[in-house]
N, C-alpha and C. Protein backbone atom coordinates (compact mmCIF):
# COMPACT_ATOMS: atom_id res chain seq x y z
N UNK A 1 29.83 -7.29 4.30
CA UNK A 1 30.24 -7.22 2.89
C UNK A 1 31.14 -6.01 2.65
N UNK A 2 32.18 -6.21 1.86
CA UNK A 2 33.03 -5.08 1.50
C UNK A 2 32.49 -4.42 0.22
N UNK A 3 33.13 -3.35 -0.21
CA UNK A 3 32.63 -2.58 -1.35
C UNK A 3 32.55 -3.42 -2.63
N UNK A 4 33.56 -4.25 -2.85
CA UNK A 4 33.57 -5.09 -4.04
C UNK A 4 32.42 -6.08 -4.02
N UNK A 5 32.19 -6.67 -2.87
CA UNK A 5 31.10 -7.64 -2.73
C UNK A 5 29.73 -6.98 -2.90
N UNK A 6 29.57 -5.79 -2.35
CA UNK A 6 28.30 -5.07 -2.46
C UNK A 6 28.03 -4.72 -3.92
N UNK A 7 29.06 -4.28 -4.63
CA UNK A 7 28.89 -3.96 -6.05
C UNK A 7 28.45 -5.21 -6.81
N UNK A 8 29.09 -6.33 -6.55
CA UNK A 8 28.76 -7.57 -7.23
C UNK A 8 27.36 -8.05 -6.84
N UNK A 9 26.98 -7.84 -5.60
CA UNK A 9 25.65 -8.19 -5.10
C UNK A 9 24.57 -7.53 -5.97
N UNK A 10 24.69 -6.23 -6.14
CA UNK A 10 23.69 -5.50 -6.92
C UNK A 10 23.86 -5.74 -8.42
N UNK A 11 25.08 -5.97 -8.87
CA UNK A 11 25.27 -6.24 -10.29
C UNK A 11 24.51 -7.49 -10.70
N UNK A 12 24.56 -8.52 -9.87
CA UNK A 12 23.85 -9.76 -10.18
C UNK A 12 22.34 -9.57 -10.13
N UNK A 13 21.85 -8.84 -9.13
CA UNK A 13 20.41 -8.60 -9.06
C UNK A 13 19.94 -7.78 -10.27
N UNK A 14 20.77 -6.84 -10.68
CA UNK A 14 20.43 -6.01 -11.85
C UNK A 14 20.46 -6.82 -13.14
N UNK A 15 21.39 -7.73 -13.22
CA UNK A 15 21.49 -8.58 -14.41
C UNK A 15 20.24 -9.45 -14.55
N UNK A 16 19.75 -9.95 -13.42
CA UNK A 16 18.56 -10.81 -13.44
C UNK A 16 17.28 -10.03 -13.70
N UNK A 17 17.27 -8.75 -13.31
CA UNK A 17 16.07 -7.91 -13.47
C UNK A 17 16.51 -6.49 -13.78
N UNK A 18 16.79 -6.19 -15.06
CA UNK A 18 17.38 -4.91 -15.44
C UNK A 18 16.49 -3.69 -15.16
N UNK A 19 15.18 -3.86 -15.15
CA UNK A 19 14.28 -2.72 -14.97
C UNK A 19 13.25 -3.02 -13.88
N UNK A 20 13.68 -3.04 -12.63
CA UNK A 20 12.77 -3.40 -11.54
C UNK A 20 11.73 -2.31 -11.29
N UNK A 21 10.53 -2.73 -10.97
CA UNK A 21 9.44 -1.78 -10.70
C UNK A 21 8.63 -2.24 -9.51
N UNK A 22 7.90 -1.31 -8.91
CA UNK A 22 6.99 -1.68 -7.84
C UNK A 22 5.89 -2.58 -8.38
N UNK A 23 5.37 -3.45 -7.56
CA UNK A 23 4.28 -4.33 -7.98
C UNK A 23 2.91 -3.71 -7.68
N UNK A 24 2.90 -2.51 -7.13
CA UNK A 24 1.65 -1.79 -6.95
C UNK A 24 1.20 -1.23 -8.30
N UNK A 25 -0.10 -1.33 -8.57
CA UNK A 25 -0.65 -0.82 -9.83
C UNK A 25 -1.12 0.62 -9.64
N UNK A 26 -0.71 1.50 -10.57
CA UNK A 26 -1.13 2.90 -10.49
C UNK A 26 -0.98 3.54 -11.85
N UNK A 27 -1.69 4.65 -12.04
CA UNK A 27 -1.64 5.32 -13.33
C UNK A 27 -0.94 6.66 -13.31
N UNK A 28 -0.83 7.25 -12.13
CA UNK A 28 -0.13 8.53 -12.00
C UNK A 28 0.44 8.66 -10.59
N UNK A 29 1.14 9.74 -10.33
CA UNK A 29 1.82 9.91 -9.05
C UNK A 29 0.85 9.95 -7.88
N UNK A 30 -0.29 10.58 -8.06
CA UNK A 30 -1.28 10.63 -6.98
C UNK A 30 -1.79 9.23 -6.65
N UNK A 31 -2.11 8.45 -7.65
CA UNK A 31 -2.57 7.09 -7.41
C UNK A 31 -1.48 6.25 -6.74
N UNK A 32 -0.23 6.49 -7.10
CA UNK A 32 0.88 5.79 -6.44
C UNK A 32 0.89 6.12 -4.96
N UNK A 33 0.77 7.40 -4.62
CA UNK A 33 0.76 7.82 -3.22
C UNK A 33 -0.36 7.12 -2.45
N UNK A 34 -1.54 7.11 -3.03
CA UNK A 34 -2.68 6.45 -2.38
C UNK A 34 -2.42 4.96 -2.20
N UNK A 35 -1.90 4.32 -3.24
CA UNK A 35 -1.65 2.88 -3.19
C UNK A 35 -0.63 2.54 -2.10
N UNK A 36 0.40 3.36 -1.97
CA UNK A 36 1.43 3.08 -0.97
C UNK A 36 0.87 3.29 0.44
N UNK A 37 0.06 4.31 0.62
CA UNK A 37 -0.58 4.53 1.92
C UNK A 37 -1.45 3.32 2.28
N UNK A 38 -2.19 2.82 1.30
CA UNK A 38 -3.07 1.68 1.54
C UNK A 38 -2.29 0.38 1.78
N UNK A 39 -1.06 0.32 1.30
CA UNK A 39 -0.29 -0.93 1.37
C UNK A 39 0.32 -1.22 2.74
N UNK A 40 0.25 -0.26 3.66
CA UNK A 40 0.79 -0.50 5.00
C UNK A 40 0.05 -1.68 5.64
N UNK A 41 0.83 -2.66 6.09
CA UNK A 41 0.28 -3.88 6.70
C UNK A 41 -0.72 -4.59 5.77
N UNK A 42 -0.46 -4.51 4.48
CA UNK A 42 -1.28 -5.20 3.48
C UNK A 42 -0.37 -5.63 2.34
N UNK A 43 -0.83 -6.58 1.54
CA UNK A 43 -0.01 -7.02 0.41
C UNK A 43 -0.29 -6.18 -0.83
N UNK A 44 0.68 -6.11 -1.72
CA UNK A 44 0.48 -5.38 -2.97
C UNK A 44 -0.66 -6.00 -3.77
N UNK A 45 -0.75 -7.33 -3.75
CA UNK A 45 -1.83 -8.01 -4.49
C UNK A 45 -3.19 -7.58 -3.95
N UNK A 46 -3.31 -7.54 -2.63
CA UNK A 46 -4.58 -7.13 -2.02
C UNK A 46 -4.93 -5.68 -2.33
N UNK A 47 -3.93 -4.82 -2.30
CA UNK A 47 -4.16 -3.40 -2.62
C UNK A 47 -4.58 -3.25 -4.07
N UNK A 48 -3.92 -3.95 -4.98
CA UNK A 48 -4.25 -3.85 -6.40
C UNK A 48 -5.69 -4.28 -6.68
N UNK A 49 -6.13 -5.32 -5.99
CA UNK A 49 -7.52 -5.77 -6.17
C UNK A 49 -8.49 -4.70 -5.71
N UNK A 50 -8.17 -4.04 -4.59
CA UNK A 50 -9.06 -3.03 -4.03
C UNK A 50 -9.07 -1.74 -4.85
N UNK A 51 -7.94 -1.41 -5.47
CA UNK A 51 -7.86 -0.13 -6.18
C UNK A 51 -8.19 -0.22 -7.66
N UNK A 52 -8.38 -1.43 -8.16
CA UNK A 52 -8.63 -1.59 -9.60
C UNK A 52 -9.82 -0.74 -10.05
N UNK A 53 -10.95 -0.92 -9.39
CA UNK A 53 -12.15 -0.15 -9.76
C UNK A 53 -12.03 1.29 -9.29
N UNK A 54 -11.43 1.49 -8.11
CA UNK A 54 -11.29 2.84 -7.56
C UNK A 54 -10.52 3.75 -8.51
N UNK A 55 -9.39 3.27 -9.02
CA UNK A 55 -8.53 4.10 -9.86
C UNK A 55 -9.09 4.32 -11.26
N UNK A 56 -10.12 3.59 -11.63
CA UNK A 56 -10.77 3.85 -12.92
C UNK A 56 -11.54 5.16 -12.88
N UNK A 57 -12.05 5.51 -11.71
CA UNK A 57 -12.85 6.73 -11.59
C UNK A 57 -12.17 7.84 -10.79
N UNK A 58 -11.18 7.47 -9.99
CA UNK A 58 -10.49 8.47 -9.17
C UNK A 58 -9.03 8.59 -9.59
N UNK A 59 -8.73 9.70 -10.24
CA UNK A 59 -7.36 9.91 -10.73
C UNK A 59 -6.70 11.13 -10.11
N UNK A 60 -7.48 11.95 -9.41
CA UNK A 60 -6.96 13.19 -8.83
C UNK A 60 -7.40 13.33 -7.38
N UNK A 61 -6.70 14.16 -6.62
CA UNK A 61 -7.12 14.41 -5.23
C UNK A 61 -8.55 14.95 -5.14
N UNK A 62 -8.92 15.83 -6.07
CA UNK A 62 -10.27 16.40 -6.02
C UNK A 62 -11.33 15.32 -6.23
N UNK A 63 -11.07 14.41 -7.14
CA UNK A 63 -12.02 13.32 -7.37
C UNK A 63 -12.14 12.43 -6.12
N UNK A 64 -11.04 12.27 -5.38
CA UNK A 64 -11.08 11.49 -4.14
C UNK A 64 -11.90 12.22 -3.09
N UNK A 65 -11.70 13.52 -2.99
CA UNK A 65 -12.48 14.32 -2.04
C UNK A 65 -13.96 14.24 -2.38
N UNK A 66 -14.27 14.30 -3.67
CA UNK A 66 -15.67 14.21 -4.11
C UNK A 66 -16.27 12.85 -3.79
N UNK A 67 -15.45 11.80 -3.88
CA UNK A 67 -15.93 10.46 -3.54
C UNK A 67 -16.29 10.37 -2.07
N UNK A 68 -15.48 10.99 -1.24
CA UNK A 68 -15.76 11.03 0.19
C UNK A 68 -15.28 9.80 0.94
N UNK A 69 -15.21 9.95 2.25
CA UNK A 69 -14.67 8.88 3.09
C UNK A 69 -15.49 7.60 3.02
N UNK A 70 -16.81 7.73 3.08
CA UNK A 70 -17.66 6.54 3.04
C UNK A 70 -17.58 5.85 1.68
N UNK A 71 -17.51 6.65 0.62
CA UNK A 71 -17.39 6.08 -0.72
C UNK A 71 -16.09 5.34 -0.89
N UNK A 72 -15.01 5.89 -0.33
CA UNK A 72 -13.71 5.25 -0.41
C UNK A 72 -13.71 3.93 0.36
N UNK A 73 -14.34 3.93 1.51
CA UNK A 73 -14.40 2.70 2.32
C UNK A 73 -15.02 1.53 1.56
N UNK A 74 -15.99 1.84 0.74
CA UNK A 74 -16.65 0.78 -0.02
C UNK A 74 -15.67 0.07 -0.96
N UNK A 75 -14.66 0.81 -1.40
CA UNK A 75 -13.66 0.23 -2.32
C UNK A 75 -12.57 -0.55 -1.57
N UNK A 76 -12.25 -0.13 -0.34
CA UNK A 76 -11.05 -0.67 0.31
C UNK A 76 -11.36 -1.51 1.55
N UNK A 77 -12.58 -1.98 1.67
CA UNK A 77 -12.98 -2.77 2.85
C UNK A 77 -12.16 -4.05 3.04
N UNK A 78 -11.61 -4.55 1.96
CA UNK A 78 -10.84 -5.80 2.05
C UNK A 78 -9.42 -5.58 2.56
N UNK A 79 -9.03 -4.32 2.73
CA UNK A 79 -7.68 -4.00 3.18
C UNK A 79 -7.68 -3.75 4.69
N UNK A 80 -6.67 -4.22 5.36
CA UNK A 80 -6.56 -4.01 6.80
C UNK A 80 -6.52 -2.54 7.17
N UNK A 81 -7.12 -2.20 8.30
CA UNK A 81 -7.15 -0.83 8.81
C UNK A 81 -7.81 0.14 7.83
N UNK A 82 -8.82 -0.35 7.11
CA UNK A 82 -9.40 0.48 6.04
C UNK A 82 -10.08 1.74 6.57
N UNK A 83 -10.60 1.72 7.79
CA UNK A 83 -11.26 2.91 8.32
C UNK A 83 -10.28 4.07 8.49
N UNK A 84 -9.15 3.80 9.16
CA UNK A 84 -8.17 4.86 9.38
C UNK A 84 -7.48 5.25 8.08
N UNK A 85 -7.29 4.29 7.19
CA UNK A 85 -6.65 4.61 5.90
C UNK A 85 -7.55 5.50 5.06
N UNK A 86 -8.85 5.23 5.07
CA UNK A 86 -9.79 6.06 4.30
C UNK A 86 -9.77 7.49 4.83
N UNK A 87 -9.75 7.62 6.14
CA UNK A 87 -9.71 8.96 6.75
C UNK A 87 -8.45 9.71 6.34
N UNK A 88 -7.31 9.00 6.37
CA UNK A 88 -6.04 9.64 6.00
C UNK A 88 -5.99 10.01 4.52
N UNK A 89 -6.49 9.12 3.66
CA UNK A 89 -6.44 9.40 2.22
C UNK A 89 -7.30 10.62 1.87
N UNK A 90 -8.47 10.72 2.47
CA UNK A 90 -9.31 11.90 2.22
C UNK A 90 -8.63 13.15 2.75
N UNK A 91 -8.06 13.06 3.95
CA UNK A 91 -7.40 14.23 4.54
C UNK A 91 -6.20 14.69 3.73
N UNK A 92 -5.36 13.76 3.28
CA UNK A 92 -4.19 14.14 2.49
C UNK A 92 -4.61 14.68 1.13
N UNK A 93 -5.70 14.16 0.60
CA UNK A 93 -6.20 14.65 -0.69
C UNK A 93 -6.69 16.09 -0.56
N UNK A 94 -7.35 16.40 0.54
CA UNK A 94 -7.81 17.77 0.77
C UNK A 94 -6.63 18.72 0.87
N UNK A 95 -5.56 18.28 1.53
CA UNK A 95 -4.37 19.12 1.65
C UNK A 95 -3.70 19.33 0.29
N UNK A 96 -3.63 18.28 -0.52
CA UNK A 96 -3.03 18.41 -1.85
C UNK A 96 -3.81 19.40 -2.70
N UNK A 97 -5.13 19.35 -2.61
CA UNK A 97 -5.98 20.30 -3.37
C UNK A 97 -5.79 21.71 -2.85
N UNK A 98 -5.83 21.85 -1.53
CA UNK A 98 -5.81 23.17 -0.90
C UNK A 98 -4.45 23.86 -0.95
N UNK A 99 -3.38 23.06 -0.78
CA UNK A 99 -2.05 23.69 -0.63
C UNK A 99 -1.07 23.42 -1.76
N UNK A 100 -1.38 22.43 -2.62
CA UNK A 100 -0.40 22.06 -3.65
C UNK A 100 -0.98 21.98 -5.06
N UNK A 101 -2.10 22.63 -5.26
CA UNK A 101 -2.69 22.66 -6.59
C UNK A 101 -3.08 21.30 -7.13
N UNK A 102 -3.36 20.36 -6.22
CA UNK A 102 -3.75 19.02 -6.65
C UNK A 102 -2.60 18.15 -7.10
N UNK A 103 -1.37 18.62 -6.91
CA UNK A 103 -0.19 17.86 -7.33
C UNK A 103 0.53 17.25 -6.13
N UNK A 104 1.18 16.13 -6.35
CA UNK A 104 1.99 15.50 -5.30
C UNK A 104 3.37 16.13 -5.32
N UNK A 105 3.79 16.76 -4.23
CA UNK A 105 5.09 17.45 -4.22
C UNK A 105 6.27 16.48 -4.22
N UNK A 106 7.30 16.84 -4.93
CA UNK A 106 8.52 16.02 -5.00
C UNK A 106 9.45 16.43 -3.86
N UNK A 107 8.96 16.30 -2.65
CA UNK A 107 9.69 16.75 -1.47
C UNK A 107 9.37 15.80 -0.32
N UNK A 108 10.36 15.06 0.15
CA UNK A 108 10.10 14.05 1.19
C UNK A 108 9.58 14.66 2.48
N UNK A 109 10.11 15.82 2.86
CA UNK A 109 9.67 16.44 4.10
C UNK A 109 8.20 16.86 4.02
N UNK A 110 7.81 17.38 2.86
CA UNK A 110 6.42 17.78 2.68
C UNK A 110 5.52 16.55 2.66
N UNK A 111 5.97 15.52 2.00
CA UNK A 111 5.18 14.28 1.93
C UNK A 111 4.94 13.69 3.31
N UNK A 112 5.99 13.68 4.14
CA UNK A 112 5.84 13.09 5.48
C UNK A 112 4.97 13.94 6.40
N UNK A 113 4.64 15.14 5.98
CA UNK A 113 3.74 15.98 6.78
C UNK A 113 2.27 15.66 6.47
N UNK A 114 2.02 14.86 5.43
CA UNK A 114 0.66 14.50 5.05
C UNK A 114 0.13 13.38 5.96
N UNK A 115 -1.16 13.38 6.25
CA UNK A 115 -1.75 12.34 7.09
C UNK A 115 -1.53 10.94 6.51
N UNK A 116 -1.05 10.03 7.33
CA UNK A 116 -0.86 8.64 6.90
C UNK A 116 0.39 8.38 6.10
N UNK A 117 1.21 9.41 5.91
CA UNK A 117 2.43 9.26 5.11
C UNK A 117 3.66 9.30 6.02
N UNK A 118 4.27 8.15 6.23
CA UNK A 118 5.50 8.08 7.01
C UNK A 118 6.71 8.14 6.11
N UNK A 119 7.87 7.97 6.69
CA UNK A 119 9.12 8.07 5.93
C UNK A 119 9.21 7.00 4.85
N UNK A 120 8.79 5.78 5.18
CA UNK A 120 8.86 4.70 4.20
C UNK A 120 7.99 5.02 2.99
N UNK A 121 6.75 5.45 3.23
CA UNK A 121 5.84 5.79 2.13
C UNK A 121 6.40 6.92 1.28
N UNK A 122 6.91 7.95 1.94
CA UNK A 122 7.49 9.08 1.21
C UNK A 122 8.68 8.64 0.37
N UNK A 123 9.50 7.76 0.92
CA UNK A 123 10.67 7.25 0.17
C UNK A 123 10.24 6.48 -1.07
N UNK A 124 9.17 5.68 -0.94
CA UNK A 124 8.68 4.92 -2.11
C UNK A 124 8.22 5.88 -3.20
N UNK A 125 7.44 6.88 -2.83
CA UNK A 125 6.93 7.85 -3.81
C UNK A 125 8.08 8.61 -4.46
N UNK A 126 9.02 9.07 -3.65
CA UNK A 126 10.16 9.81 -4.19
C UNK A 126 10.95 8.96 -5.18
N UNK A 127 11.10 7.69 -4.87
CA UNK A 127 11.88 6.79 -5.72
C UNK A 127 11.12 6.43 -7.00
N UNK A 128 9.89 5.97 -6.84
CA UNK A 128 9.12 5.47 -7.99
C UNK A 128 8.64 6.59 -8.92
N UNK A 129 8.20 7.69 -8.33
CA UNK A 129 7.62 8.76 -9.14
C UNK A 129 8.65 9.77 -9.64
N UNK A 130 9.67 10.02 -8.81
CA UNK A 130 10.60 11.10 -9.14
C UNK A 130 12.05 10.64 -9.35
N UNK A 131 12.28 9.33 -9.26
CA UNK A 131 13.62 8.81 -9.52
C UNK A 131 14.65 9.18 -8.49
N UNK A 132 14.21 9.49 -7.27
CA UNK A 132 15.14 9.87 -6.21
C UNK A 132 15.87 8.65 -5.67
N UNK A 133 17.07 8.86 -5.19
CA UNK A 133 17.87 7.78 -4.61
C UNK A 133 17.49 7.60 -3.15
N UNK A 134 16.29 7.07 -2.94
CA UNK A 134 15.81 6.84 -1.58
C UNK A 134 15.68 5.34 -1.34
N UNK A 135 15.73 4.96 -0.07
CA UNK A 135 15.72 3.55 0.30
C UNK A 135 14.60 3.31 1.32
N UNK A 136 13.46 2.92 0.82
CA UNK A 136 12.31 2.67 1.68
C UNK A 136 12.48 1.31 2.34
N UNK A 137 12.62 1.30 3.65
CA UNK A 137 12.89 0.05 4.36
C UNK A 137 11.59 -0.54 4.91
N UNK A 138 11.11 -1.58 4.23
CA UNK A 138 9.95 -2.32 4.72
C UNK A 138 10.46 -3.56 5.45
N UNK A 139 9.57 -4.48 5.80
CA UNK A 139 9.99 -5.68 6.54
C UNK A 139 10.98 -6.52 5.72
N UNK A 140 10.79 -6.58 4.40
CA UNK A 140 11.68 -7.36 3.55
C UNK A 140 13.10 -6.79 3.55
N UNK A 141 13.20 -5.49 3.34
CA UNK A 141 14.52 -4.86 3.28
C UNK A 141 15.20 -4.84 4.64
N UNK A 142 14.41 -4.66 5.69
CA UNK A 142 14.97 -4.71 7.05
C UNK A 142 15.59 -6.08 7.32
N UNK A 143 14.85 -7.12 6.95
CA UNK A 143 15.34 -8.48 7.13
C UNK A 143 16.58 -8.73 6.28
N UNK A 144 16.52 -8.32 5.03
CA UNK A 144 17.61 -8.55 4.09
C UNK A 144 18.89 -7.82 4.50
N UNK A 145 18.73 -6.58 4.93
CA UNK A 145 19.89 -5.80 5.35
C UNK A 145 20.63 -6.45 6.49
N UNK A 146 19.86 -6.98 7.45
CA UNK A 146 20.47 -7.62 8.61
C UNK A 146 20.95 -9.04 8.31
N UNK A 147 20.16 -9.79 7.59
CA UNK A 147 20.49 -11.19 7.33
C UNK A 147 21.73 -11.33 6.45
N UNK A 148 21.81 -10.55 5.41
CA UNK A 148 22.93 -10.67 4.47
C UNK A 148 24.20 -9.97 4.97
N UNK A 149 24.01 -8.98 5.85
CA UNK A 149 25.14 -8.17 6.28
C UNK A 149 25.32 -6.94 5.41
N UNK A 150 24.41 -6.74 4.47
CA UNK A 150 24.49 -5.60 3.56
C UNK A 150 24.41 -4.28 4.32
N UNK A 151 23.45 -4.19 5.24
CA UNK A 151 23.29 -2.97 6.05
C UNK A 151 22.56 -3.36 7.33
N UNK A 152 23.31 -3.67 8.35
CA UNK A 152 22.71 -4.11 9.60
C UNK A 152 22.27 -2.91 10.44
N UNK A 153 21.17 -3.11 11.17
CA UNK A 153 20.68 -2.04 12.03
C UNK A 153 19.52 -2.53 12.86
N UNK A 154 19.33 -1.92 14.02
CA UNK A 154 18.26 -2.34 14.92
C UNK A 154 16.92 -1.69 14.58
N UNK A 155 16.95 -0.67 13.75
CA UNK A 155 15.72 0.03 13.35
C UNK A 155 15.70 0.19 11.83
N UNK A 156 14.51 0.37 11.24
CA UNK A 156 14.44 0.63 9.80
C UNK A 156 15.27 1.84 9.39
N UNK A 157 15.30 2.88 10.21
CA UNK A 157 16.07 4.07 9.87
C UNK A 157 17.56 3.77 9.85
N UNK A 158 18.02 2.93 10.78
CA UNK A 158 19.44 2.56 10.81
C UNK A 158 19.82 1.78 9.55
N UNK A 159 18.94 0.87 9.13
CA UNK A 159 19.20 0.12 7.89
C UNK A 159 19.19 1.06 6.69
N UNK A 160 18.23 2.00 6.68
CA UNK A 160 18.16 2.97 5.59
C UNK A 160 19.44 3.78 5.49
N UNK A 161 19.93 4.25 6.63
CA UNK A 161 21.16 5.04 6.63
C UNK A 161 22.35 4.20 6.16
N UNK A 162 22.34 2.91 6.52
CA UNK A 162 23.41 2.02 6.08
C UNK A 162 23.39 1.85 4.57
N UNK A 163 22.20 1.69 4.00
CA UNK A 163 22.07 1.54 2.55
C UNK A 163 22.49 2.82 1.84
N UNK A 164 22.14 3.97 2.41
CA UNK A 164 22.54 5.25 1.81
C UNK A 164 24.05 5.34 1.68
N UNK A 165 24.75 4.81 2.66
CA UNK A 165 26.22 4.88 2.65
C UNK A 165 26.86 3.84 1.73
N UNK A 166 26.20 2.67 1.61
CA UNK A 166 26.87 1.53 0.99
C UNK A 166 26.48 1.21 -0.45
N UNK A 167 25.27 1.57 -0.87
CA UNK A 167 24.83 1.18 -2.22
C UNK A 167 25.60 1.99 -3.27
N UNK A 168 26.26 1.31 -4.21
CA UNK A 168 27.06 2.00 -5.25
C UNK A 168 26.19 2.81 -6.20
N UNK A 169 26.79 3.85 -6.77
CA UNK A 169 26.11 4.78 -7.65
C UNK A 169 25.21 4.19 -8.72
N UNK A 170 25.69 3.25 -9.51
CA UNK A 170 24.87 2.75 -10.62
C UNK A 170 23.58 2.05 -10.19
N UNK A 171 23.51 1.68 -8.92
CA UNK A 171 22.38 0.86 -8.47
C UNK A 171 21.47 1.56 -7.46
N UNK A 172 21.70 2.82 -7.21
CA UNK A 172 21.00 3.49 -6.11
C UNK A 172 19.49 3.67 -6.37
N UNK A 173 19.12 3.98 -7.59
CA UNK A 173 17.69 4.19 -7.87
C UNK A 173 16.94 2.86 -7.83
N UNK A 174 17.54 1.80 -8.36
CA UNK A 174 16.85 0.52 -8.43
C UNK A 174 16.98 -0.35 -7.19
N UNK A 175 17.86 0.02 -6.27
CA UNK A 175 18.16 -0.84 -5.12
C UNK A 175 16.92 -1.20 -4.31
N UNK A 176 16.07 -0.23 -4.08
CA UNK A 176 14.84 -0.45 -3.30
C UNK A 176 14.03 -1.61 -3.87
N UNK A 177 13.84 -1.60 -5.18
CA UNK A 177 13.03 -2.64 -5.82
C UNK A 177 13.74 -3.99 -5.82
N UNK A 178 15.03 -3.99 -6.13
CA UNK A 178 15.75 -5.26 -6.16
C UNK A 178 15.70 -5.95 -4.80
N UNK A 179 15.88 -5.17 -3.74
CA UNK A 179 15.90 -5.76 -2.40
C UNK A 179 14.52 -6.26 -1.97
N UNK A 180 13.48 -5.49 -2.27
CA UNK A 180 12.12 -5.92 -1.91
C UNK A 180 11.76 -7.20 -2.65
N UNK A 181 12.01 -7.23 -3.94
CA UNK A 181 11.66 -8.41 -4.73
C UNK A 181 12.47 -9.63 -4.30
N UNK A 182 13.73 -9.39 -3.97
CA UNK A 182 14.59 -10.49 -3.51
C UNK A 182 14.07 -11.05 -2.18
N UNK A 183 13.68 -10.15 -1.30
CA UNK A 183 13.15 -10.57 -0.01
C UNK A 183 11.79 -11.23 -0.11
N UNK A 184 11.00 -10.77 -1.06
CA UNK A 184 9.64 -11.30 -1.23
C UNK A 184 9.63 -12.70 -1.83
N UNK A 185 10.55 -12.95 -2.77
CA UNK A 185 10.48 -14.19 -3.54
C UNK A 185 11.61 -15.20 -3.29
N UNK A 186 12.73 -14.74 -2.77
CA UNK A 186 13.85 -15.66 -2.55
C UNK A 186 14.32 -15.66 -1.09
N UNK A 187 14.70 -14.52 -0.58
CA UNK A 187 15.21 -14.44 0.80
C UNK A 187 14.03 -14.27 1.76
N UNK A 188 13.17 -15.28 1.79
CA UNK A 188 11.92 -15.21 2.54
C UNK A 188 12.15 -15.26 4.04
N UNK A 189 11.15 -14.80 4.78
CA UNK A 189 11.30 -14.67 6.23
C UNK A 189 11.56 -15.99 6.93
N UNK A 190 10.69 -16.96 6.73
CA UNK A 190 10.82 -18.22 7.47
C UNK A 190 11.92 -19.12 6.91
N UNK A 191 11.89 -19.33 5.62
CA UNK A 191 12.88 -20.22 5.00
C UNK A 191 13.45 -19.57 3.74
N UNK A 192 14.60 -18.91 3.88
CA UNK A 192 15.22 -18.31 2.69
C UNK A 192 15.61 -19.40 1.69
N UNK A 193 15.32 -19.16 0.42
CA UNK A 193 15.59 -20.17 -0.60
C UNK A 193 17.00 -19.97 -1.17
N UNK A 194 17.96 -20.21 -0.30
CA UNK A 194 19.36 -19.97 -0.64
C UNK A 194 19.83 -20.82 -1.82
N UNK A 195 19.19 -21.98 -2.00
CA UNK A 195 19.63 -22.87 -3.08
C UNK A 195 19.42 -22.28 -4.47
N UNK A 196 18.57 -21.25 -4.57
CA UNK A 196 18.39 -20.61 -5.88
C UNK A 196 18.70 -19.11 -5.85
N UNK A 197 19.45 -18.71 -4.84
CA UNK A 197 19.80 -17.30 -4.68
C UNK A 197 21.04 -16.95 -5.51
N UNK A 198 20.97 -15.90 -6.33
CA UNK A 198 22.10 -15.53 -7.18
C UNK A 198 23.25 -14.87 -6.43
N UNK A 199 23.03 -14.52 -5.16
CA UNK A 199 24.09 -13.84 -4.39
C UNK A 199 24.45 -14.63 -3.13
N UNK A 200 24.15 -15.93 -3.13
CA UNK A 200 24.34 -16.74 -1.93
C UNK A 200 25.79 -16.74 -1.43
N UNK A 201 26.73 -16.68 -2.35
CA UNK A 201 28.15 -16.72 -1.96
C UNK A 201 28.63 -15.40 -1.37
N UNK A 202 27.86 -14.34 -1.54
CA UNK A 202 28.23 -13.02 -1.02
C UNK A 202 27.55 -12.74 0.31
N UNK A 203 26.57 -13.54 0.65
CA UNK A 203 25.71 -13.30 1.81
C UNK A 203 26.38 -13.74 3.11
N UNK A 204 26.20 -12.96 4.16
CA UNK A 204 26.80 -13.26 5.45
C UNK A 204 25.94 -14.10 6.37
N UNK A 205 24.79 -14.56 5.87
CA UNK A 205 23.89 -15.39 6.69
C UNK A 205 24.54 -16.74 6.97
N UNK A 206 24.60 -17.11 8.24
CA UNK A 206 25.33 -18.33 8.61
C UNK A 206 24.49 -19.60 8.49
N UNK A 207 23.17 -19.46 8.56
CA UNK A 207 22.31 -20.65 8.53
C UNK A 207 21.64 -20.80 7.16
N UNK A 208 22.44 -20.85 6.14
CA UNK A 208 21.92 -20.94 4.78
C UNK A 208 21.15 -22.24 4.55
N UNK A 209 20.07 -22.14 3.82
CA UNK A 209 19.26 -23.30 3.46
C UNK A 209 19.63 -23.67 2.02
N UNK A 210 20.49 -24.63 1.87
CA UNK A 210 21.10 -24.91 0.56
C UNK A 210 20.36 -25.93 -0.28
N UNK A 211 19.27 -26.47 0.24
CA UNK A 211 18.43 -27.34 -0.58
C UNK A 211 17.00 -27.26 -0.06
N UNK A 212 16.03 -27.36 -0.97
CA UNK A 212 14.62 -27.25 -0.57
C UNK A 212 14.21 -28.40 0.34
N UNK A 213 13.29 -28.07 1.26
CA UNK A 213 12.79 -29.13 2.14
C UNK A 213 11.93 -30.09 1.33
N UNK A 214 12.13 -31.36 1.55
CA UNK A 214 11.36 -32.36 0.84
C UNK A 214 10.03 -32.58 1.55
N UNK A 215 8.97 -32.64 0.75
CA UNK A 215 7.67 -32.87 1.33
C UNK A 215 7.55 -34.29 1.87
N UNK A 216 6.72 -34.43 2.87
CA UNK A 216 6.53 -35.76 3.47
C UNK A 216 5.81 -36.67 2.47
N UNK A 217 6.32 -37.85 2.34
CA UNK A 217 5.69 -38.79 1.41
C UNK A 217 4.40 -39.34 2.00
N UNK A 218 3.39 -39.54 1.15
CA UNK A 218 2.12 -40.03 1.63
C UNK A 218 2.12 -41.51 1.82
């Protein structure tokens, strides 16, 4: 895609969804950080179900530390890798209390130094909580970047760097959400629903699916 096409790509996604947001439920920046850590290899829907009761009583790192690892596990047992995630959430909460006054720092490098927080997680927090122009590359965005030709790369970091270079100014903060939602609901992994895609004519994917598969008649 050239610059004009990329601008039009995001303009259309923005027109369809002017105020994109994460589908993770949270009440403050700390809860967002916890939710994103828990969402690794899990769905947002599954995380929201697990954190609904948890976030009613736990709003700060100190409250999480007081709950303890075993108490946290009781809330998140339905989430994959809950044992290691509980350990990381308690450990990062202790660090936030001890070194950051119980606040989540608006610094990607500091965030990635926390247990269980990788670059993708830090990018999500920086974008959603602090409005930073970061591009968290999950499986959806990695697929979309390569499939459409928007930002091709063999690794998530390569796709991220491509997006950093190519996404136009007006769309940089919202790009992360538009791409995830587009990949989740339209440009799906197995069968992209190109027949209802608003940017199908801009996309470089050669094997477009231009009509829905018809179900077998009984």
